[in-house]
Protein backbone atom coordinates (compact mmCIF):
# COMPACT_ATOMS: atom_id res chain seq x y z
CA UNK A 1 30.73 -0.56 44.39
CA UNK A 2 30.23 -2.31 47.71
CA UNK A 3 31.11 -6.01 47.53
CA UNK A 4 33.71 -6.20 44.71
CA UNK A 5 36.65 -4.10 43.67
CA UNK A 6 36.42 -1.11 41.31
CA UNK A 7 38.52 -3.07 38.84
CA UNK A 8 35.94 -5.79 38.65
CA UNK A 9 33.12 -3.36 37.76
CA UNK A 10 35.35 -1.62 35.25
CA UNK A 11 35.88 -4.97 33.66
CA UNK A 12 32.19 -5.71 33.75
CA UNK A 13 31.53 -2.48 31.96
CA UNK A 14 33.99 -3.29 29.24
CA UNK A 15 32.51 -6.75 28.91
CA UNK A 16 29.09 -5.24 28.42
CA UNK A 17 30.37 -3.01 25.61
CA UNK A 18 32.25 -5.99 23.99
CA UNK A 19 28.80 -7.89 24.01
CA UNK A 20 27.12 -5.10 22.22
CA UNK A 21 29.77 -4.93 19.63
CA UNK A 22 29.31 -8.59 19.00
CA UNK A 23 25.69 -7.98 18.30
CA UNK A 24 26.70 -5.28 15.95
CA UNK A 25 28.98 -7.65 13.99
CA UNK A 26 25.79 -9.68 13.07
CA UNK A 27 24.34 -6.52 11.60
CA UNK A 28 27.50 -5.70 9.83
CA UNK A 29 27.49 -9.20 8.21
CA UNK A 30 24.06 -8.88 6.82
CA UNK A 31 24.90 -5.34 5.47
CA UNK A 32 28.07 -6.74 3.88
CA UNK A 33 25.87 -9.35 2.09
CA UNK A 34 23.86 -6.60 0.63
CA UNK A 35 26.97 -4.93 -0.74
CA UNK A 36 28.03 -8.17 -2.24
CA UNK A 37 24.56 -8.63 -3.85
CA UNK A 38 24.69 -5.06 -5.12
CA UNK A 39 28.02 -5.73 -6.91
CA UNK A 40 26.49 -8.67 -8.76
CA UNK A 41 23.54 -6.59 -9.72
CA UNK A 42 25.65 -3.69 -11.07
CA UNK A 43 27.67 -6.33 -13.20
CA UNK A 44 24.41 -7.61 -14.49
CA UNK A 45 23.29 -4.03 -15.31
CA UNK A 46 26.53 -3.68 -17.46
CA UNK A 47 25.66 -6.90 -19.11
CA UNK A 48 22.11 -5.83 -19.96
CA UNK A 49 23.31 -2.53 -21.49
CA UNK A 50 26.40 -3.59 -23.30
CA UNK A 51 25.91 -7.32 -23.74
CA UNK A 52 27.62 -10.30 -22.40
CA UNK A 53 30.25 -10.22 -25.15
CA UNK A 54 31.89 -7.21 -23.48
CA UNK A 55 33.29 -9.47 -20.75
CA UNK A 56 33.46 -12.60 -22.90
CA UNK A 57 35.27 -11.45 -25.90
CA UNK A 58 35.97 -7.74 -25.27
CA UNK A 59 34.56 -4.70 -27.06
CA UNK A 60 36.52 -1.96 -28.68
CA UNK A 61 36.59 1.27 -26.72
CA UNK A 62 34.83 3.15 -29.53
CA UNK A 63 32.02 0.57 -29.80
CA UNK A 64 31.52 0.49 -25.97
CA UNK A 65 31.22 4.34 -25.90
CA UNK A 66 28.87 4.22 -28.79
CA UNK A 67 26.54 1.82 -27.08
CA UNK A 68 26.72 3.88 -23.81
CA UNK A 69 25.77 7.07 -25.70
CA UNK A 70 22.90 5.37 -27.61
CA UNK A 71 19.41 5.77 -26.28
CA UNK A 72 17.60 2.86 -24.69
CA UNK A 73 14.00 2.11 -25.22
CA UNK A 74 11.20 3.32 -22.84
CA UNK A 75 10.41 -0.30 -21.99
CA UNK A 76 14.02 -0.85 -20.82
CA UNK A 77 13.92 2.36 -18.82
CA UNK A 78 10.69 1.39 -17.07
CA UNK A 79 12.22 -2.04 -16.27
CA UNK A 80 15.27 -0.26 -14.58
CA UNK A 81 12.89 2.18 -12.63
CA UNK A 82 10.68 -0.75 -11.39
CA UNK A 83 13.59 -1.85 -9.27
CA UNK A 84 12.75 0.96 -6.82
CA UNK A 85 10.27 -1.56 -5.44
CA UNK A 86 13.22 -3.44 -3.85
CA UNK A 87 13.49 -0.44 -1.31
CA UNK A 88 11.05 -0.69 1.48
CA UNK A 89 11.71 2.32 3.59
CA UNK A 90 9.10 4.92 2.70
CA UNK A 91 11.39 7.97 3.00
CA UNK A 92 14.22 6.35 0.90
CA UNK A 93 11.66 5.12 -1.72
CA UNK A 94 10.12 8.67 -2.03
CA UNK A 95 13.58 10.27 -2.50
CA UNK A 96 14.53 7.68 -5.00
CA UNK A 97 11.35 8.07 -6.99
CA UNK A 98 11.85 11.85 -7.02
CA UNK A 99 15.38 11.42 -8.53
CA UNK A 100 14.06 8.85 -11.20
CA UNK A 101 11.13 11.20 -12.17
CA UNK A 102 13.47 14.22 -12.45
CA UNK A 103 13.53 16.12 -15.77
CA UNK A 104 16.95 14.58 -16.63
CA UNK A 105 15.06 11.22 -17.25
CA UNK A 106 12.04 12.74 -19.04
CA UNK A 107 13.52 12.75 -22.54
CA UNK A 108 15.60 10.02 -24.39
CA UNK A 109 17.79 8.09 -21.99
CA UNK A 110 21.33 6.97 -23.04
CA UNK A 111 22.82 3.70 -21.96
CA UNK A 112 25.18 5.56 -19.62
CA UNK A 113 22.32 7.50 -17.95
CA UNK A 114 20.44 4.22 -17.60
CA UNK A 115 23.51 2.64 -16.07
CA UNK A 116 24.02 5.51 -13.63
CA UNK A 117 20.29 5.29 -12.57
CA UNK A 118 20.65 1.50 -12.08
CA UNK A 119 23.73 2.03 -10.00
CA UNK A 120 21.99 4.64 -7.81
CA UNK A 121 19.11 2.30 -7.26
CA UNK A 122 21.42 -0.50 -6.16
CA UNK A 123 23.10 1.96 -3.68
CA UNK A 124 19.60 2.83 -2.07
CA UNK A 125 18.88 -1.01 -1.91
CA UNK A 126 21.98 -1.24 0.25
CA UNK A 127 20.81 1.89 2.24
CA UNK A 128 17.40 0.30 2.84
CA UNK A 129 19.03 -2.95 4.25
CA UNK A 130 21.50 -0.92 6.42
CA UNK A 131 18.86 1.37 7.89
CA UNK A 132 16.38 -1.43 8.60
CA UNK A 133 19.00 -3.80 10.12
CA UNK A 134 20.85 -1.27 12.17
CA UNK A 135 17.69 0.33 13.53
CA UNK A 136 16.65 -3.05 14.84
CA UNK A 137 20.19 -3.71 16.18
CA UNK A 138 20.26 -0.28 17.94
CA UNK A 139 16.88 -0.81 19.63
CA UNK A 140 18.15 -4.29 20.84
CA UNK A 141 21.37 -2.65 22.19
CA UNK A 142 19.43 0.08 23.93
CA UNK A 143 17.20 -2.38 25.75
CA UNK A 144 20.11 -4.76 26.68
CA UNK A 145 22.34 -1.86 27.92
CA UNK A 146 19.47 -0.42 30.03
CA UNK A 147 18.62 -3.76 31.79
CA UNK A 148 22.19 -5.03 32.10
CA UNK A 149 23.24 -1.71 33.79
CA UNK A 150 20.40 -2.09 36.20
CA UNK A 151 21.36 -5.65 36.95
CA UNK A 152 25.08 -4.74 37.58
CA UNK A 153 23.92 -1.93 39.88
CA UNK A 154 21.86 -4.38 41.82
CA UNK A 155 24.79 -6.78 42.03
CA UNK A 156 26.99 -4.02 43.20
CA UNK A 157 24.58 -2.87 45.90
CA UNK A 158 23.49 -6.30 46.94
CA UNK A 159 19.94 -4.97 46.71
CA UNK A 160 17.28 -6.02 44.20
CA UNK A 161 15.52 -2.75 43.91
CA UNK A 162 12.60 -2.32 41.69
CA UNK A 163 12.67 -0.31 38.53
CA UNK A 164 10.47 0.82 35.60
CA UNK A 165 10.96 -0.45 32.02
CA UNK A 166 12.58 1.84 29.62
CA UNK A 167 9.69 3.86 27.96
CA UNK A 168 9.29 3.77 24.20
CA UNK A 169 9.59 7.57 23.95
CA UNK A 170 13.05 7.36 25.53
CA UNK A 171 14.19 4.58 23.15
CA UNK A 172 12.98 6.86 20.26
CA UNK A 173 14.75 9.91 21.72
CA UNK A 174 18.01 8.09 21.77
CA UNK A 175 17.46 6.85 18.17
CA UNK A 176 16.74 10.45 17.05
CA UNK A 177 19.78 12.03 18.71
CA UNK A 178 22.99 10.10 17.60
CA UNK A 179 26.44 10.94 18.76
CA UNK A 180 27.50 12.72 15.60
CA UNK A 181 24.57 15.12 15.70
CA UNK A 182 23.31 13.80 12.41
CA UNK A 183 20.67 10.97 12.33
CA UNK A 184 22.26 7.69 11.32
CA UNK A 185 19.88 7.24 8.36
CA UNK A 186 21.22 10.50 6.91
CA UNK A 187 24.81 9.14 7.28
CA UNK A 188 23.68 5.97 5.47
CA UNK A 189 22.18 8.11 2.76
CA UNK A 190 25.31 10.10 2.24
CA UNK A 191 27.57 7.04 2.45
CA UNK A 192 25.65 5.23 -0.26
CA UNK A 193 25.46 8.49 -2.37
CA UNK A 194 29.23 8.63 -2.27
CA UNK A 195 29.40 4.93 -3.14
CA UNK A 196 27.29 5.36 -6.15
CA UNK A 197 29.36 8.31 -7.40
CA UNK A 198 32.56 6.28 -6.95
CA UNK A 199 31.18 3.22 -8.88
CA UNK A 200 29.90 5.49 -11.69
CA UNK A 201 33.35 7.00 -11.89
CA UNK A 202 34.99 3.60 -12.12
CA UNK A 203 32.59 2.43 -14.98
CA UNK A 204 32.79 5.77 -16.91
CA UNK A 205 36.52 5.93 -16.56
CA UNK A 206 37.00 2.35 -17.38
CA UNK A 207 35.23 2.57 -20.70
CA UNK A 208 36.90 5.78 -21.65
CA UNK A 209 40.37 4.40 -20.96
CA UNK A 210 39.68 1.10 -22.48
CA UNK A 211 40.65 -1.16 -19.52
CA UNK A 212 39.49 -4.76 -19.47
CA UNK A 213 36.21 -5.96 -17.99
CA UNK A 214 38.11 -7.90 -15.30
CA UNK A 215 40.10 -4.80 -14.30
CA UNK A 216 36.81 -2.83 -14.08
CA UNK A 217 35.17 -5.35 -11.91
CA UNK A 218 38.16 -5.53 -9.59
CA UNK A 219 37.96 -1.76 -9.18
CA UNK A 220 34.23 -2.00 -8.51
CA UNK A 221 34.93 -4.69 -5.78
CA UNK A 222 37.52 -2.32 -4.08
CA UNK A 223 34.94 0.50 -4.09
CA UNK A 224 32.43 -1.92 -2.47
CA UNK A 225 35.03 -2.72 0.23
CA UNK A 226 35.41 0.95 0.98
CA UNK A 227 31.57 1.16 1.29
CA UNK A 228 31.60 -1.81 3.62
CA UNK A 229 34.14 -0.18 5.79
CA UNK A 230 32.12 3.06 6.04
CA UNK A 231 29.04 1.02 7.01
CA UNK A 232 30.86 -0.98 9.69
CA UNK A 233 32.34 2.11 11.17
CA UNK A 234 28.99 3.82 11.43
CA UNK A 235 27.28 0.72 12.94
CA UNK A 236 30.01 0.12 15.56
CA UNK A 237 30.25 3.76 16.50
CA UNK A 238 26.40 4.21 16.78
CA UNK A 239 26.18 0.96 18.78
CA UNK A 240 28.64 2.44 21.34
CA UNK A 241 26.64 5.62 21.57
CA UNK A 242 23.27 3.84 21.82
CA UNK A 243 24.55 1.57 24.70
CA UNK A 244 25.98 4.46 26.59
CA UNK A 245 22.90 6.63 26.20
CA UNK A 246 20.82 3.69 27.48
CA UNK A 247 23.06 3.33 30.46
CA UNK A 248 22.57 6.92 31.27
CA UNK A 249 18.88 6.31 31.30
CA UNK A 250 19.36 3.37 33.67
CA UNK A 251 21.35 5.60 36.07
CA UNK A 252 18.46 8.23 35.92
CA UNK A 253 16.07 5.41 36.75
CA UNK A 254 18.09 4.38 39.74
CA UNK A 255 18.59 8.09 40.82
CA UNK A 256 22.34 7.63 40.29
CA UNK A 257 23.84 11.19 40.17
CA UNK A 258 27.32 10.44 38.87
CA UNK A 259 29.12 8.07 36.47
CA UNK A 260 32.72 7.24 35.67
CA UNK A 261 34.26 7.16 32.17
CA UNK A 262 35.71 3.78 31.43
CA UNK A 263 38.21 3.29 28.59
CA UNK A 264 39.25 -0.01 27.18
CA UNK A 265 42.75 -0.97 28.52
CA UNK A 266 44.75 -1.90 25.43
CA UNK A 267 47.17 -0.18 23.02
CA UNK A 268 44.41 0.74 20.57
CA UNK A 269 42.59 3.14 22.97
CA UNK A 270 42.73 6.66 21.58
CA UNK A 271 44.36 9.56 23.35
CA UNK A 272 40.97 11.16 23.90
CA UNK A 273 39.63 8.17 25.80
CA UNK A 274 42.98 7.68 27.75
CA UNK A 275 42.60 11.23 29.04
CA UNK A 276 39.01 10.75 30.10
CA UNK A 277 39.47 7.25 31.65
CA UNK A 278 38.56 7.25 35.40
CA UNK A 279 37.00 10.67 35.33
CA UNK A 280 33.69 11.24 37.10
CA UNK A 281 30.81 13.27 35.50
CA UNK A 282 27.28 14.19 36.53
CA UNK A 283 24.62 12.17 34.95
CA UNK A 284 22.69 15.30 34.35
CA UNK A 285 25.50 16.77 32.32
CA UNK A 286 26.26 13.69 30.15
CA UNK A 287 26.84 14.61 26.52
CA UNK A 288 27.92 12.35 23.72
CA UNK A 289 31.32 13.27 22.17
CA UNK A 290 32.17 15.47 25.22
CA UNK A 291 32.08 13.31 28.24
CA UNK A 292 30.07 10.35 27.18
CA UNK A 293 31.11 7.77 24.56
CA UNK A 294 31.15 7.52 21.63
CA UNK A 295 33.95 10.11 21.58
CA UNK A 296 35.16 9.23 18.06
CA UNK A 297 34.60 6.64 15.16
CA UNK A 298 35.19 3.05 16.36
CA UNK A 299 35.06 4.25 20.05
CA UNK A 300 34.85 1.35 22.37
CA UNK A 301 34.60 3.22 25.71
CA UNK A 302 31.82 2.94 28.14
CA UNK A 303 30.70 4.10 31.62
CA UNK A 304 29.81 2.70 35.13
CA UNK A 305 27.75 4.11 37.94
CA UNK A 306 29.28 5.85 40.89
CA UNK A 307 27.36 4.90 43.97
CA UNK A 308 27.07 7.11 47.04
CA UNK A 309 27.08 5.51 50.45
CA UNK A 310 23.39 6.25 51.04
CA UNK A 311 22.05 5.30 47.59
CA UNK A 312 20.45 2.03 48.94
CA UNK A 313 18.37 4.12 51.31
CA UNK A 314 17.03 6.24 48.38
CA UNK A 315 16.11 3.20 46.27
CA UNK A 316 12.59 2.83 47.57
CA UNK A 317 9.89 1.21 45.52
CA UNK A 318 9.17 3.45 42.55
CA UNK A 319 7.23 3.19 39.29
CA UNK A 320 7.13 5.19 36.16
CA UNK A 321 3.70 6.92 35.78
CA UNK A 322 2.63 5.65 32.33
CA UNK A 323 0.71 8.83 31.60
CA UNK A 324 3.26 11.53 32.53
CA UNK A 325 6.36 9.50 32.10
CA UNK A 326 7.62 10.63 35.58
CA UNK A 327 9.18 8.20 37.95
CA UNK A 328 7.27 8.40 41.27
CA UNK A 329 8.16 7.10 44.78
CA UNK A 330 5.32 4.86 46.13
CA UNK A 331 4.17 4.76 49.75
CA UNK A 332 5.47 1.67 51.58
CA UNK A 333 3.28 -1.43 51.15
CA UNK A 334 1.26 -0.07 48.11
CA UNK A 335 -0.01 -3.00 46.10
CA UNK A 336 -0.47 -3.19 42.28
CA UNK A 337 -4.24 -2.75 42.57
CA UNK A 338 -3.85 0.34 44.84
CA UNK A 339 -1.36 1.78 42.27
CA UNK A 340 -3.56 1.10 39.36
CA UNK A 341 -6.60 2.69 41.12
CA UNK A 342 -4.54 5.83 42.03
CA UNK A 343 -3.61 6.19 38.33
CA UNK A 344 -7.40 5.88 37.33
CA UNK A 345 -8.35 8.42 39.90
CA UNK A 346 -5.63 10.85 38.68
CA UNK A 347 -5.93 10.47 34.91
CA UNK A 348 -9.28 8.76 34.31
CA UNK A 349 -10.09 5.08 33.79
CA UNK A 350 -10.31 5.43 30.06
CA UNK A 351 -6.93 6.86 29.70
CA UNK A 352 -5.23 4.18 31.86
CA UNK A 353 -7.06 1.43 29.91
CA UNK A 354 -5.77 2.97 26.70
CA UNK A 355 -2.21 2.95 28.12
CA UNK A 356 -2.57 -0.68 29.09
CA UNK A 357 -3.67 -1.47 25.52
CA UNK A 358 -0.52 0.31 24.24
CA UNK A 359 1.77 -1.84 26.41
CA UNK A 360 -0.01 -4.95 25.69
CA UNK A 361 -0.25 -4.47 21.89
CA UNK A 362 3.26 -2.86 21.47
CA UNK A 363 4.66 -5.60 19.27
CA UNK A 364 1.67 -5.92 16.94
CA UNK A 365 1.33 -2.03 16.79
CA UNK A 366 5.00 -1.65 15.84
CA UNK A 367 4.44 -3.89 12.82
CA UNK A 368 1.24 -2.03 11.87
CA UNK A 369 3.13 1.22 12.25
CA UNK A 370 5.92 0.03 9.86
CA UNK A 371 3.35 -0.97 7.32
CA UNK A 372 1.54 2.25 7.50
CA UNK A 373 4.88 4.12 7.29
CA UNK A 374 5.78 2.20 4.22
CA UNK A 375 2.55 3.29 2.59
CA UNK A 376 1.90 6.81 3.75
CA UNK A 377 5.31 7.88 5.13
CA UNK A 378 5.47 10.42 7.91
CA UNK A 379 1.65 10.72 7.85
CA UNK A 380 1.68 7.52 9.92
CA UNK A 381 3.00 9.53 12.79
CA UNK A 382 6.24 11.35 13.73
CA UNK A 383 7.18 8.39 15.97
CA UNK A 384 5.84 5.04 17.12
CA UNK A 385 4.76 6.65 20.39
CA UNK A 386 2.73 9.38 18.39
CA UNK A 387 1.17 6.51 16.34
CA UNK A 388 -0.02 4.68 19.52
CA UNK A 389 -1.33 7.94 20.88
CA UNK A 390 -3.45 8.40 17.74
CA UNK A 391 -4.61 4.80 17.90
CA UNK A 392 -5.71 4.61 21.39
CA UNK A 393 -6.34 8.17 22.62
CA UNK A 394 -7.74 10.09 19.57
CA UNK A 395 -10.29 7.81 17.86
CA UNK A 396 -11.37 10.45 15.29
CA UNK A 397 -7.77 10.88 14.09
CA UNK A 398 -7.24 7.07 14.07
CA UNK A 399 -10.39 6.62 11.78
CA UNK A 400 -8.98 9.32 9.48
CA UNK A 401 -5.54 7.72 9.38
CA UNK A 402 -7.16 4.28 8.42
CA UNK A 403 -9.09 6.07 5.72
CA UNK A 404 -5.81 7.55 4.28
CA UNK A 405 -4.14 4.18 4.35
CA UNK A 406 -7.11 2.64 2.50
CA UNK A 407 -7.00 5.49 -0.20
CA UNK A 408 -3.24 5.16 -0.55
CA UNK A 409 -3.55 1.29 -0.99
CA UNK A 410 -5.97 1.97 -3.82
CA UNK A 411 -3.58 4.37 -5.29
CA UNK A 412 -0.69 1.90 -5.12
CA UNK A 413 -2.81 -0.79 -6.58
CA UNK A 414 -3.79 1.20 -9.59
CA UNK A 415 -2.30 0.59 -13.09
CA UNK A 416 -1.30 4.25 -13.67
CA UNK A 417 2.30 5.51 -14.07
CA UNK A 418 4.46 6.18 -10.96
CA UNK A 419 4.46 9.86 -11.74
CA UNK A 420 0.58 9.92 -11.74
CA UNK A 421 0.35 8.05 -8.51
CA UNK A 422 2.78 10.55 -6.94
CA UNK A 423 0.43 13.33 -8.09
CA UNK A 424 -2.50 11.63 -6.46
CA UNK A 425 -0.60 11.29 -3.20
CA UNK A 426 0.57 14.78 -3.30
CA UNK A 427 -2.93 16.09 -4.03
CA UNK A 428 -4.32 14.02 -1.13
CA UNK A 429 -1.83 15.66 1.28
CA UNK A 430 -2.48 19.05 -0.16
CA UNK A 431 -6.22 18.91 0.72
CA UNK A 432 -5.57 17.10 3.99
CA UNK A 433 -3.50 20.05 5.29
CA UNK A 434 -6.55 22.26 4.48
CA UNK A 435 -8.74 20.01 6.48
CA UNK A 436 -10.30 17.88 3.85
CA UNK A 437 -10.06 14.07 3.02
CA UNK A 438 -10.37 12.92 -0.62
CA UNK A 439 -11.40 9.45 -1.81
CA UNK A 440 -9.53 7.85 -4.76
CA UNK A 441 -12.53 8.77 -7.05
CA UNK A 442 -12.29 12.45 -6.13
CA UNK A 443 -8.46 12.54 -6.51
CA UNK A 444 -8.82 11.10 -10.01
CA UNK A 445 -11.40 13.76 -10.79
CA UNK A 446 -9.01 16.49 -9.84
CA UNK A 447 -5.82 15.04 -11.43
CA UNK A 448 -7.36 13.10 -14.37
CA UNK A 449 -8.16 14.23 -17.89
CA UNK A 450 -10.84 17.00 -18.12
CA UNK A 451 -11.55 16.87 -22.00
CA UNK A 452 -14.77 16.05 -23.75
CA UNK A 453 -18.32 17.41 -24.25
CA UNK A 454 -19.53 19.42 -21.25
CA UNK A 455 -16.15 19.18 -19.42
CA UNK A 456 -14.71 22.21 -17.80
CA UNK A 457 -11.03 22.59 -17.06
CA UNK A 458 -10.03 23.44 -13.39
CA UNK A 459 -7.01 23.22 -11.24
CA UNK A 460 -6.36 21.83 -7.72
CA UNK A 461 -6.26 25.38 -6.45
CA UNK A 462 -9.71 25.97 -7.96
CA UNK A 463 -11.03 23.01 -5.83
CA UNK A 464 -9.15 24.37 -2.86
CA UNK A 465 -10.81 27.75 -3.08
CA UNK A 466 -14.23 26.17 -3.60
CA UNK A 467 -13.81 24.13 -0.38
CA UNK A 468 -12.81 27.29 1.64
CA UNK A 469 -16.45 28.34 1.32
CA UNK A 470 -19.31 26.58 3.28
CA UNK A 471 -21.32 23.86 1.63
CA UNK A 472 -24.43 25.42 0.07
CA UNK A 473 -26.52 22.52 -1.12
CA UNK A 474 -27.65 19.08 0.01
CA UNK A 475 -28.32 16.05 -2.37
CA UNK A 476 -31.33 13.87 -1.80
CA UNK A 477 -29.15 11.14 -0.27
CA UNK A 478 -28.03 13.67 2.36
CA UNK A 479 -24.51 14.40 0.96
CA UNK A 480 -23.51 18.05 1.17
CA UNK A 481 -22.37 19.85 -1.98
CA UNK A 482 -20.01 22.78 -2.34
CA UNK A 483 -21.14 24.51 -5.67
CA UNK A 484 -19.88 27.69 -7.32
CA UNK A 485 -19.17 28.87 -10.82
CA UNK A 486 -19.86 25.56 -12.49
CA UNK A 487 -17.60 23.51 -10.15
CA UNK A 488 -19.00 21.19 -7.33
CA UNK A 489 -17.55 18.99 -4.64
CA UNK A 490 -19.57 16.33 -3.03
CA UNK A 491 -18.97 15.44 0.60
CA UNK A 492 -19.97 12.18 2.42
CA UNK A 493 -22.21 12.61 5.48
CA UNK A 494 -20.52 9.83 7.50
CA UNK A 495 -16.85 10.27 7.03
CA UNK A 496 -16.75 13.91 5.78
CA UNK A 497 -14.50 12.77 2.79
CA UNK A 498 -14.88 14.59 -0.56
CA UNK A 499 -16.18 11.73 -2.72
CA UNK A 500 -16.53 13.42 -6.11
CA UNK A 501 -15.68 16.53 -8.06
CA UNK A 502 -18.29 17.50 -10.73
CA UNK A 503 -18.44 20.26 -13.30
CA UNK A 504 -21.93 21.37 -14.35
CA UNK A 505 -23.38 24.73 -15.72
CA UNK A 506 -25.98 25.05 -13.03
CA UNK A 507 -27.15 23.45 -9.77
CA UNK A 508 -29.24 20.42 -10.03
CA UNK A 509 -32.95 20.97 -9.43
CA UNK A 510 -33.09 18.20 -6.76
CA UNK A 511 -30.46 19.93 -4.60
CA UNK A 512 -31.69 21.50 -1.45
CA UNK A 513 -30.49 24.88 -0.77
CA UNK A 514 -28.68 25.24 2.59
């Protein structure tokens, strides 16, 4: 760069990466605590199933195996299953519930099967903590890397050029496309699956071989240390990738065309990074694992901008169009009010006002999005950006989304079994994809018991086929009715929701034919 030596800017690049790794250490510390807590919970699970006397006075191998092979009560099993509530991530929770509700756990459950399930739950509690903490850490790293790179470029040029903030959609794109080609949450899931398998092997093998309780817990602690190592490797490596991907976005923002690969100059640097150190690549061709760090697990390499002689002349005042996402060069002397007016003229005042609300409410909306995701999963939106688009740009979809959240809250608050609640949620989504919303009352009519005098049995598909035909009656209160072959569905006039499913031999006399 212009005012200081290349060695100085290489050193600054390495210092930035070291700072990001220090931030990653805080995340690793929190995740390690989750592993330690899980070890204590697993030891507690062994105590619950085999009794404290196993570790206090020892238990003959034959008796231990007998207890492990004996069935536990349904109450004990439900208490174990209830631990899934410790997991907050909606995707993790759903996958966990699917496993716990699998046919393998439908009949009598032995102590060993219960112990395996308990261990699996603990592994997903770890995954939940790791995904939540690392996601927050990665977002922080992306923001810091983007702005610190801009700052260093300004220092290098001696020019305080203006720049746009990094868009939410770009941050989410970086999070979705990690260096390994597999989303980091999937890696966490696989790592914790492997951990659960290893812990189960230790316990099963320990009781079969008759080793002491102390030996068994020592082996469990060793397995937890292996899990911690896998977690720290993933967090450190992904942090390297996230930082470098954000720096590439900073180069694009500043219209920098080339960057230099910068390896850490010490004896731990890999041969791959040694070979790439100092090489120059096009920003447009940056690809993680090929010419952009991370190149391998625990990679510490980074990049720095390569500035052309005329770059300062090209760094005119620019702004990112909040509607299109494109960076635009502004006419000299254009004021904020003039820029704002040009946006309104180009895209409409309502659209610009909505985008302003998105920016102003980003923090509160993020919390709302996370709450919605925890309750309704991917129905909350494929991304935070999509969620905000729904909230501020498509009011009808937003109203429907809030109705779904309300219905799912009622499902969650009910006293029914987890399996029945899952059926209600699945039925809601089944009809939603066909263009129909159902209230909790209507869902219970579909999935609930259908026995008793005057009751007619019907399936979800029967209701679906009924709703494929147009409504053919109207009630006195204005609600429309779909009625055929003894089955009727009642639809609200204001929201369009199906509010009830009723079986009746013939149409009511007070129904108006449509």
